[in-house]
C-alpha atoms as a PDB file:
ATOM      1  CA  MET A   1       2.207  -0.861 -14.881  1.00  0.00           C
ATOM      2  CA  ARG A   2       5.681   0.447 -15.514  1.00  0.00           C
ATOM      3  CA  ALA A   3       6.430   4.003 -16.607  1.00  0.00           C
ATOM      4  CA  TRP A   4       8.315   4.320 -19.872  1.00  0.00           C
ATOM      5  CA  PHE A   5      10.244   7.477 -19.114  1.00  0.00           C
ATOM      6  CA  GLY A   6      12.791   8.843 -16.664  1.00  0.00           C
ATOM      7  CA  PHE A   7      14.050   6.677 -13.827  1.00  0.00           C
ATOM      8  CA  TRP A   8      11.458   3.985 -14.513  1.00  0.00           C
ATOM      9  CA  ARG A   9      12.162   3.519 -18.220  1.00  0.00           C
ATOM     10  CA  LYS A  10      12.050  -0.230 -18.969  1.00  0.00           C
ATOM     11  CA  ARG A  11      13.674  -1.105 -15.650  1.00  0.00           C
ATOM     12  CA  GLN A  12      12.840  -2.844 -12.393  1.00  0.00           C
ATOM     13  CA  TYR A  13      14.065  -1.883  -8.946  1.00  0.00           C
ATOM     14  CA  TYR A  14      14.483  -3.903  -5.788  1.00  0.00           C
ATOM     15  CA  LEU A  15      14.513  -2.057  -2.501  1.00  0.00           C
ATOM     16  CA  ASN A  16      16.988  -4.450  -0.915  1.00  0.00           C
ATOM     17  CA  LYS A  17      19.517  -3.313  -3.535  1.00  0.00           C
ATOM     18  CA  MET A  18      18.797   0.438  -3.556  1.00  0.00           C
ATOM     19  CA  THR A  19      20.162   3.376  -1.613  1.00  0.00           C
ATOM     20  CA  LEU A  20      17.978   5.995   0.036  1.00  0.00           C
ATOM     21  CA  GLY A  21      18.936   8.492  -2.662  1.00  0.00           C
ATOM     22  CA  GLN A  22      17.936   6.105  -5.429  1.00  0.00           C
ATOM     23  CA  LEU A  23      14.615   5.515  -3.706  1.00  0.00           C
ATOM     24  CA  VAL A  24      13.868   9.234  -3.477  1.00  0.00           C
ATOM     25  CA  VAL A  25      14.543   9.654  -7.211  1.00  0.00           C
ATOM     26  CA  ALA A  26      12.424   6.624  -8.114  1.00  0.00           C
ATOM     27  CA  TYR A  27       9.629   7.685  -5.767  1.00  0.00           C
ATOM     28  CA  PHE A  28       9.108  11.131  -7.260  1.00  0.00           C
ATOM     29  CA  GLN A  29       9.322   9.834 -10.821  1.00  0.00           C
ATOM     30  CA  TYR A  30       6.728   7.110 -10.343  1.00  0.00           C
ATOM     31  CA  TYR A  31       3.523   7.918 -12.201  1.00  0.00           C
ATOM     32  CA  ALA A  32       1.167   7.143  -9.289  1.00  0.00           C
ATOM     33  CA  ILE A  33       3.022   9.448  -6.884  1.00  0.00           C
ATOM     34  CA  GLN A  34       3.026  12.191  -9.488  1.00  0.00           C
ATOM     35  CA  ALA A  35      -0.707  11.706  -9.966  1.00  0.00           C
ATOM     36  CA  TYR A  36      -1.403  11.944  -6.218  1.00  0.00           C
ATOM     37  CA  LEU A  37       0.659  15.124  -5.891  1.00  0.00           C
ATOM     38  CA  LEU A  38      -0.852  16.773  -8.965  1.00  0.00           C
ATOM     39  CA  LEU A  39      -4.431  15.918  -8.052  1.00  0.00           C
ATOM     40  CA  GLY A  40      -3.782  16.934  -4.446  1.00  0.00           C
ATOM     41  CA  VAL A  41      -2.558  20.365  -5.509  1.00  0.00           C
ATOM     42  CA  ILE A  42      -5.539  20.807  -7.857  1.00  0.00           C
ATOM     43  CA  CYS A  43      -8.042  19.831  -5.143  1.00  0.00           C
ATOM     44  CA  ALA A  44      -6.344  22.097  -2.606  1.00  0.00           C
ATOM     45  CA  TYR A  45      -6.384  25.008  -5.071  1.00  0.00           C
ATOM     46  CA  PHE A  46     -10.111  24.757  -5.785  1.00  0.00           C
ATOM     47  CA  ALA A  47     -10.889  24.187  -2.103  1.00  0.00           C
ATOM     48  CA  LEU A  48      -9.118  27.435  -1.208  1.00  0.00           C
ATOM     49  CA  LYS A  49     -10.605  29.237  -4.207  1.00  0.00           C
ATOM     50  CA  ASP A  50     -14.209  28.353  -3.271  1.00  0.00           C
ATOM     51  CA  MET A  51     -13.980  28.543   0.517  1.00  0.00           C
ATOM     52  CA  THR A  52     -15.902  31.074   2.580  1.00  0.00           C
ATOM     53  CA  HIS A  53     -14.260  30.111   5.894  1.00  0.00           C
ATOM     54  CA  ALA A  54     -10.979  28.323   6.574  1.00  0.00           C
ATOM     55  CA  LEU A  55     -12.147  26.260   9.540  1.00  0.00           C
ATOM     56  CA  PRO A  56     -14.273  23.708   7.595  1.00  0.00           C
ATOM     57  CA  LEU A  57     -11.329  23.049   5.283  1.00  0.00           C
ATOM     58  CA  ILE A  58      -8.970  22.529   8.205  1.00  0.00           C
ATOM     59  CA  LEU A  59     -11.430  20.223   9.928  1.00  0.00           C
ATOM     60  CA  ALA A  60     -12.057  18.239   6.740  1.00  0.00           C
ATOM     61  CA  ALA A  61      -8.341  17.808   6.064  1.00  0.00           C
ATOM     62  CA  ALA A  62      -7.729  16.732   9.656  1.00  0.00           C
ATOM     63  CA  ALA A  63     -10.690  14.341   9.636  1.00  0.00           C
ATOM     64  CA  ALA A  64      -9.480  12.720   6.421  1.00  0.00           C
ATOM     65  CA  ALA A  65      -6.001  12.205   7.882  1.00  0.00           C
ATOM     66  CA  ILE A  66      -7.473  10.760  11.086  1.00  0.00           C
ATOM     67  CA  VAL A  67      -9.855   8.333   9.383  1.00  0.00           C
ATOM     68  CA  TYR A  68      -7.165   7.182   6.935  1.00  0.00           C
ATOM     69  CA  PRO A  69      -5.448   4.678   9.304  1.00  0.00           C
ATOM     70  CA  LEU A  70      -8.761   2.980  10.102  1.00  0.00           C
ATOM     71  CA  ALA A  71      -9.706   2.809   6.435  1.00  0.00           C
ATOM     72  CA  TRP A  72      -6.323   1.350   5.531  1.00  0.00           C
ATOM     73  CA  TYR A  73      -6.588  -1.208   8.335  1.00  0.00           C
ATOM     74  CA  LEU A  74     -10.008  -2.380   7.168  1.00  0.00           C
ATOM     75  CA  VAL A  75      -9.032  -2.511   3.495  1.00  0.00           C
ATOM     76  CA  HIS A  76      -5.734  -4.244   4.217  1.00  0.00           C
ATOM     77  CA  ARG A  77      -7.148  -6.838   6.606  1.00  0.00           C
ATOM     78  CA  PHE A  78     -10.512  -7.687   5.105  1.00  0.00           C
ATOM     79  CA  ILE A  79     -10.046  -6.989   1.384  1.00  0.00           C
ATOM     80  CA  LEU A  80      -6.374  -7.310   0.458  1.00  0.00           C
ATOM     81  CA  HIS A  81      -5.900 -10.263   2.797  1.00  0.00           C
ATOM     82  CA  GLY A  82      -9.342 -11.666   2.155  1.00  0.00           C
ATOM     83  CA  ARG A  83      -9.476 -14.779   0.023  1.00  0.00           C
ATOM     84  CA  PHE A  84     -12.668 -13.961  -1.841  1.00  0.00           C
ATOM     85  CA  LEU A  85     -10.911 -11.862  -4.491  1.00  0.00           C
ATOM     86  CA  PHE A  86      -8.774 -14.664  -5.899  1.00  0.00           C
ATOM     87  CA  ARG A  87     -11.803 -16.954  -6.012  1.00  0.00           C
ATOM     88  CA  SER A  88     -13.459 -14.911  -8.738  1.00  0.00           C
ATOM     89  CA  ARG A  89     -12.255 -14.640 -12.302  1.00  0.00           C
ATOM     90  CA  LEU A  90     -13.434 -11.018 -12.304  1.00  0.00           C
ATOM     91  CA  THR A  91     -11.252  -9.886  -9.389  1.00  0.00           C
ATOM     92  CA  ALA A  92      -8.301 -12.299  -9.502  1.00  0.00           C
ATOM     93  CA  ARG A  93      -6.168 -10.033 -11.700  1.00  0.00           C
ATOM     94  CA  VAL A  94      -6.807  -7.015  -9.463  1.00  0.00           C
ATOM     95  CA  TRP A  95      -5.941  -8.952  -6.296  1.00  0.00           C
ATOM     96  CA  LYS A  96      -2.772 -10.295  -7.883  1.00  0.00           C
ATOM     97  CA  ARG A  97      -1.620  -6.801  -8.799  1.00  0.00           C
ATOM     98  CA  VAL A  98      -2.571  -4.912  -5.665  1.00  0.00           C
ATOM     99  CA  HIS A  99      -1.338  -7.344  -3.001  1.00  0.00           C
ATOM    100  CA  PHE A 100      -0.438 -10.899  -3.969  1.00  0.00           C
ATOM    101  CA  ASP A 101       2.567  -9.822  -6.057  1.00  0.00           C
ATOM    102  CA  HIS A 102       3.762  -7.581  -3.240  1.00  0.00           C
ATOM    103  CA  HIS A 103       3.758 -10.438  -0.729  1.00  0.00           C
ATOM    104  CA  GLN A 104       5.312 -12.779  -3.257  1.00  0.00           C
ATOM    105  CA  ASP A 105       8.220 -10.383  -3.764  1.00  0.00           C
ATOM    106  CA  PRO A 106       8.185  -7.722  -1.004  1.00  0.00           C
ATOM    107  CA  HIS A 107      11.275  -5.885  -2.283  1.00  0.00           C
ATOM    108  CA  ASN A 108       9.991  -5.291  -5.810  1.00  0.00           C
ATOM    109  CA  LEU A 109       9.360  -1.543  -5.840  1.00  0.00           C
ATOM    110  CA  GLU A 110       7.092  -1.651  -8.866  1.00  0.00           C
ATOM    111  CA  VAL A 111       4.406  -3.738  -7.147  1.00  0.00           C
ATOM    112  CA  LEU A 112       4.833  -2.037  -3.774  1.00  0.00           C
ATOM    113  CA  PHE A 113       3.003   1.076  -4.985  1.00  0.00           C
ATOM    114  CA  GLY A 114      -0.755   0.845  -5.120  1.00  0.00           C
ATOM    115  CA  ALA A 115      -2.475   0.733  -8.507  1.00  0.00           C
ATOM    116  CA  LEU A 116      -4.217   4.003  -9.354  1.00  0.00           C
ATOM    117  CA  TYR A 117      -7.403   2.310 -10.548  1.00  0.00           C
ATOM    118  CA  THR A 118      -7.862   0.957  -7.015  1.00  0.00           C
ATOM    119  CA  THR A 119      -6.339   3.667  -4.837  1.00  0.00           C
ATOM    120  CA  LEU A 120      -8.008   6.751  -6.319  1.00  0.00           C
ATOM    121  CA  PRO A 121     -11.610   5.483  -5.995  1.00  0.00           C
ATOM    122  CA  THR A 122     -10.842   4.324  -2.451  1.00  0.00           C
ATOM    123  CA  ILE A 123      -9.416   7.709  -1.451  1.00  0.00           C
ATOM    124  CA  LEU A 124     -12.447   9.490  -2.916  1.00  0.00           C
ATOM    125  CA  LEU A 125     -14.920   7.202  -1.161  1.00  0.00           C
ATOM    126  CA  ILE A 126     -13.198   7.652   2.190  1.00  0.00           C
ATOM    127  CA  THR A 127     -12.442  11.366   2.209  1.00  0.00           C
ATOM    128  CA  ALA A 128     -15.016  13.151   0.037  1.00  0.00           C
ATOM    129  CA  PRO A 129     -18.143  12.257   2.088  1.00  0.00           C
ATOM    130  CA  VAL A 130     -16.409  13.234   5.340  1.00  0.00           C
ATOM    131  CA  GLY A 131     -15.415  16.602   3.930  1.00  0.00           C
ATOM    132  CA  TRP A 132     -18.819  17.191   2.358  1.00  0.00           C
ATOM    133  CA  MET A 133     -20.609  16.648   5.666  1.00  0.00           C
ATOM    134  CA  ILE A 134     -18.283  19.129   7.348  1.00  0.00           C
ATOM    135  CA  GLY A 135     -18.475  21.947   4.837  1.00  0.00           C
ATOM    136  CA  GLY A 136     -19.830  21.103   1.406  1.00  0.00           C
ATOM    137  CA  ARG A 137     -17.788  21.034  -1.798  1.00  0.00           C
ATOM    138  CA  PRO A 138     -14.755  23.092  -0.659  1.00  0.00           C
ATOM    139  CA  ALA A 139     -14.344  20.911   2.431  1.00  0.00           C
ATOM    140  CA  ALA A 140     -14.814  17.765   0.338  1.00  0.00           C
ATOM    141  CA  LEU A 141     -11.989  18.915  -1.933  1.00  0.00           C
ATOM    142  CA  ALA A 142      -9.844  19.660   1.111  1.00  0.00           C
ATOM    143  CA  GLY A 143     -10.544  16.176   2.443  1.00  0.00           C
ATOM    144  CA  ILE A 144      -9.598  14.610  -0.884  1.00  0.00           C
ATOM    145  CA  ALA A 145      -6.385  16.636  -1.013  1.00  0.00           C
ATOM    146  CA  SER A 146      -5.549  15.516   2.518  1.00  0.00           C
ATOM    147  CA  GLY A 147      -6.182  11.894   1.560  1.00  0.00           C
ATOM    148  CA  LEU A 148      -3.955  12.179  -1.511  1.00  0.00           C
ATOM    149  CA  PHE A 149      -1.079  13.755   0.397  1.00  0.00           C
ATOM    150  CA  THR A 150      -1.484  11.248   3.230  1.00  0.00           C
ATOM    151  CA  THR A 151      -1.245   8.467   0.652  1.00  0.00           C
ATOM    152  CA  CYS A 152       2.068   9.914  -0.531  1.00  0.00           C
ATOM    153  CA  ILE A 153       3.374   9.815   3.047  1.00  0.00           C
ATOM    154  CA  TYR A 154       2.151   6.249   3.501  1.00  0.00           C
ATOM    155  CA  GLU A 155       3.721   5.118   0.250  1.00  0.00           C
ATOM    156  CA  PHE A 156       7.095   6.656   1.129  1.00  0.00           C
ATOM    157  CA  CYS A 157       7.074   5.121   4.619  1.00  0.00           C
ATOM    158  CA  HIS A 158       6.130   1.807   3.039  1.00  0.00           C
ATOM    159  CA  CYS A 159       9.133   2.102   0.721  1.00  0.00           C
ATOM    160  CA  ILE A 160      11.433   2.855   3.661  1.00  0.00           C
ATOM    161  CA  GLN A 161      10.107  -0.220   5.459  1.00  0.00           C
ATOM    162  CA  HIS A 162      11.286  -2.408   2.582  1.00  0.00           C
ATOM    163  CA  LEU A 163      14.485  -0.501   1.810  1.00  0.00           C
ATOM    164  CA  SER A 164      17.834  -1.979   2.835  1.00  0.00           C
ATOM    165  CA  TYR A 165      18.419   0.978   5.120  1.00  0.00           C
ATOM    166  CA  LYS A 166      18.304   1.588   8.857  1.00  0.00           C
ATOM    167  CA  PRO A 167      16.337   4.801   9.491  1.00  0.00           C
ATOM    168  CA  LYS A 168      17.820   7.299  11.909  1.00  0.00           C
ATOM    169  CA  TRP A 169      14.377   8.240  13.206  1.00  0.00           C
ATOM    170  CA  LYS A 170      13.224   5.814  15.912  1.00  0.00           C
ATOM    171  CA  PHE A 171       9.619   5.973  14.728  1.00  0.00           C
ATOM    172  CA  LEU A 172      10.615   4.732  11.265  1.00  0.00           C
ATOM    173  CA  ARG A 173      12.771   1.980  12.745  1.00  0.00           C
ATOM    174  CA  THR A 174       9.836   0.812  14.858  1.00  0.00           C
ATOM    175  CA  ILE A 175       7.254   0.700  12.085  1.00  0.00           C
ATOM    176  CA  LYS A 176       9.798  -0.911   9.756  1.00  0.00           C
ATOM    177  CA  LYS A 177      10.326  -3.753  12.229  1.00  0.00           C
ATOM    178  CA  LEU A 178       6.594  -4.256  12.691  1.00  0.00           C
ATOM    179  CA  HIS A 179       5.920  -4.271   8.963  1.00  0.00           C
ATOM    180  CA  MET A 180       8.762  -6.695   8.231  1.00  0.00           C
ATOM    181  CA  THR A 181       7.240  -9.207  10.630  1.00  0.00           C
ATOM    182  CA  HIS A 182       3.980  -8.890   8.679  1.00  0.00           C
ATOM    183  CA  HIS A 183       5.808  -9.809   5.488  1.00  0.00           C
ATOM    184  CA  PHE A 184       8.298 -12.402   6.647  1.00  0.00           C
ATOM    185  CA  HIS A 185       6.818 -14.022   9.752  1.00  0.00           C
ATOM    186  CA  ASN A 186       3.025 -13.800  10.002  1.00  0.00           C
ATOM    187  CA  GLU A 187       0.787 -11.841   7.631  1.00  0.00           C
ATOM    188  CA  GLN A 188      -2.280 -12.176   9.861  1.00  0.00           C
ATOM    189  CA  GLY A 189      -1.429  -9.131  11.953  1.00  0.00           C
ATOM    190  CA  ASN A 190       0.325  -5.751  11.953  1.00  0.00           C
ATOM    191  CA  TYR A 191      -1.882  -4.481   9.144  1.00  0.00           C
ATOM    192  CA  GLY A 192      -1.013  -0.847   9.740  1.00  0.00           C
ATOM    193  CA  ILE A 193       1.709   1.017   7.856  1.00  0.00           C
ATOM    194  CA  THR A 194       2.484   4.077   9.964  1.00  0.00           C
ATOM    195  CA  ASN A 195      -0.212   3.633  12.599  1.00  0.00           C
ATOM    196  CA  PHE A 196      -0.823   0.425  14.552  1.00  0.00           C
ATOM    197  CA  PHE A 197      -3.509   1.767  16.895  1.00  0.00           C
ATOM    198  CA  TRP A 198      -6.244  -0.221  15.180  1.00  0.00           C
ATOM    199  CA  ASP A 199      -4.141  -3.382  15.289  1.00  0.00           C
ATOM    200  CA  ARG A 200      -3.853  -2.936  19.031  1.00  0.00           C
ATOM    201  CA  LEU A 201      -7.570  -2.233  19.402  1.00  0.00           C
ATOM    202  CA  PHE A 202      -8.711  -5.219  17.343  1.00  0.00           C
ATOM    203  CA  GLY A 203      -6.128  -7.679  18.660  1.00  0.00           C
ATOM    204  CA  THR A 204      -4.017  -8.105  15.528  1.00  0.00           C
ATOM    205  CA  PHE A 205      -0.902  -6.385  16.871  1.00  0.00           C
ATOM    206  CA  TYR A 206       2.241  -8.272  17.767  1.00  0.00           C
ATOM    207  CA  LYS A 207       5.507  -6.645  18.772  1.00  0.00           C
ATOM    208  CA  THR A 208       8.016  -9.364  17.933  1.00  0.00           C
ATOM    209  CA  PRO A 209       8.010 -12.575  15.863  1.00  0.00           C
ATOM    210  CA  GLU A 210       8.179 -14.539  19.096  1.00  0.00           C
ATOM    211  CA  ASP A 211       4.678 -13.330  19.991  1.00  0.00           C
ATOM    212  CA  VAL A 212       2.970 -15.376  17.242  1.00  0.00           C
ATOM    213  CA  VAL A 213       3.681 -18.564  15.349  1.00  0.00           C
ATOM    214  CA  ALA A 214       5.211 -18.395  11.884  1.00  0.00           C
ATOM    215  CA  SER A 215       2.595 -18.471   9.132  1.00  0.00           C
ATOM    216  CA  PRO A 216       2.941 -20.948   6.245  1.00  0.00           C
ATOM    217  CA  THR A 217       1.009 -18.550   4.001  1.00  0.00           C
ATOM    218  CA  VAL A 218       3.089 -15.432   4.653  1.00  0.00           C
ATOM    219  CA  PHE A 219       4.189 -15.247   0.995  1.00  0.00           C
ATOM    220  CA  ASN A 220       1.093 -16.549  -0.780  1.00  0.00           C
ATOM    221  CA  LEU A 221      -1.734 -15.129   1.410  1.00  0.00           C
ATOM    222  CA  GLY A 222      -3.544 -18.436   1.358  1.00  0.00           C
ATOM    223  CA  TYR A 223      -3.338 -18.921  -2.398  1.00  0.00           C
ATOM    224  CA  THR A 224      -1.783 -22.363  -2.081  1.00  0.00           C
ATOM    225  CA  GLU A 225      -1.321 -24.980  -4.760  1.00  0.00           C
ATOM    226  CA  ASP A 226      -4.605 -26.598  -3.677  1.00  0.00           C
ATOM    227  CA  GLN A 227      -6.412 -23.257  -3.990  1.00  0.00           C
ATOM    228  CA  ALA A 228      -4.797 -22.681  -7.387  1.00  0.00           C
ATOM    229  CA  VAL A 229      -6.364 -25.900  -8.638  1.00  0.00           C
ATOM    230  CA  LEU A 230      -9.815 -24.711  -7.562  1.00  0.00           C
ATOM    231  CA  TYR A 231      -9.296 -21.068  -8.566  1.00  0.00           C
ATOM    232  CA  PRO A 232      -6.672 -21.063 -11.344  1.00  0.00           C
ATOM    233  CA  TRP A 233      -6.891 -17.465 -12.538  1.00  0.00           C
ATOM    234  CA  VAL A 234      -4.050 -15.981 -10.467  1.00  0.00           C
ATOM    235  CA  ALA A 235      -1.838 -18.969 -11.299  1.00  0.00           C
ATOM    236  CA  GLN A 236      -2.588 -18.506 -14.975  1.00  0.00           C
ATOM    237  CA  LEU A 237      -1.360 -14.912 -14.715  1.00  0.00           C
ATOM    238  CA  SER A 238       1.817 -15.919 -12.839  1.00  0.00           C
ATOM    239  CA  ASP A 239       4.953 -17.285 -14.441  1.00  0.00           C
ATOM    240  CA  ILE A 240       6.277 -18.494 -11.087  1.00  0.00           C
ATOM    241  CA  PRO A 241       4.547 -20.852  -8.613  1.00  0.00           C
ATOM    242  CA  ALA A 242       2.791 -19.189  -5.693  1.00  0.00           C
ATOM    243  CA  ASN A 243       4.668 -21.171  -3.070  1.00  0.00           C
ATOM    244  CA  MET A 244       8.102 -19.826  -4.052  1.00  0.00           C
ATOM    245  CA  SER A 245       9.900 -17.559  -1.605  1.00  0.00           C
ATOM    246  CA  PRO A 246      10.906 -14.020  -2.727  1.00  0.00           C
ATOM    247  CA  ARG A 247      14.543 -15.133  -3.071  1.00  0.00           C
ATOM    248  CA  GLU A 248      13.581 -18.102  -5.223  1.00  0.00           C
ATOM    249  CA  ARG A 249      11.387 -15.856  -7.366  1.00  0.00           C
ATOM    250  CA  ARG A 250      14.261 -13.464  -8.053  1.00  0.00           C
ATOM    251  CA  HIS A 251      16.596 -16.313  -8.979  1.00  0.00           C
ATOM    252  CA  GLN A 252      13.941 -17.693 -11.288  1.00  0.00           C
ATOM    253  CA  LYS A 253      13.496 -14.307 -12.983  1.00  0.00           C
ATOM    254  CA  MET A 254      17.236 -13.881 -13.458  1.00  0.00           C
ATOM    255  CA  ALA A 255      17.517 -17.336 -15.010  1.00  0.00           C
ATOM    256  CA  SER A 256      14.617 -16.814 -17.418  1.00  0.00           C
END
């Protein structure tokens, strides 16, 4: 979904052709980021308004931020990189939007951001129960707010990882390198965005491309031409073959 106002009005942006300043402008004008920030402020306001003690809210917010990396790891590895979604007509369109398109063209900013209809329910399911168990409704709202703001941080770091820019902060340089290997060398590892603890724990972490073999499905996530024959729904929604590289896809778009 493309916004029809401001920086995003009827335009597409590629992170390998943008400056950091252009990214910041695009980031804060994107509708999903605005929704996270607005909803986060609203949840934080009502959490503070209804609280009786500050500690449950602090604990809920911290717990939500701590559980977020594990939740992202599990969703990224077993759902977004799972092959069951493209094998169903009911979920093929969702899978195409939320992850296939991003791996097909990793620099396309529009499909880098998560889709609200998938991210918001996920954030609620992860953070609200944790907060509720800690301190009822106010803590649940604090947990949701924490999850929304954490998502904003994740999304910005994710943008930086794909931006044609060398971060000055060593931490950003490190996670950028790890994430680029996920996209351009082997997608079956380095599932984290800002936190790779769970990759290390579950054996899916690799530090350099030399540590694992190159994956033939790094751009199509296993949705090969053979799979497209059996499960045609993603292919029917795509104007460009699934086995094209990101560079070939951009050339094809420019020529069409």
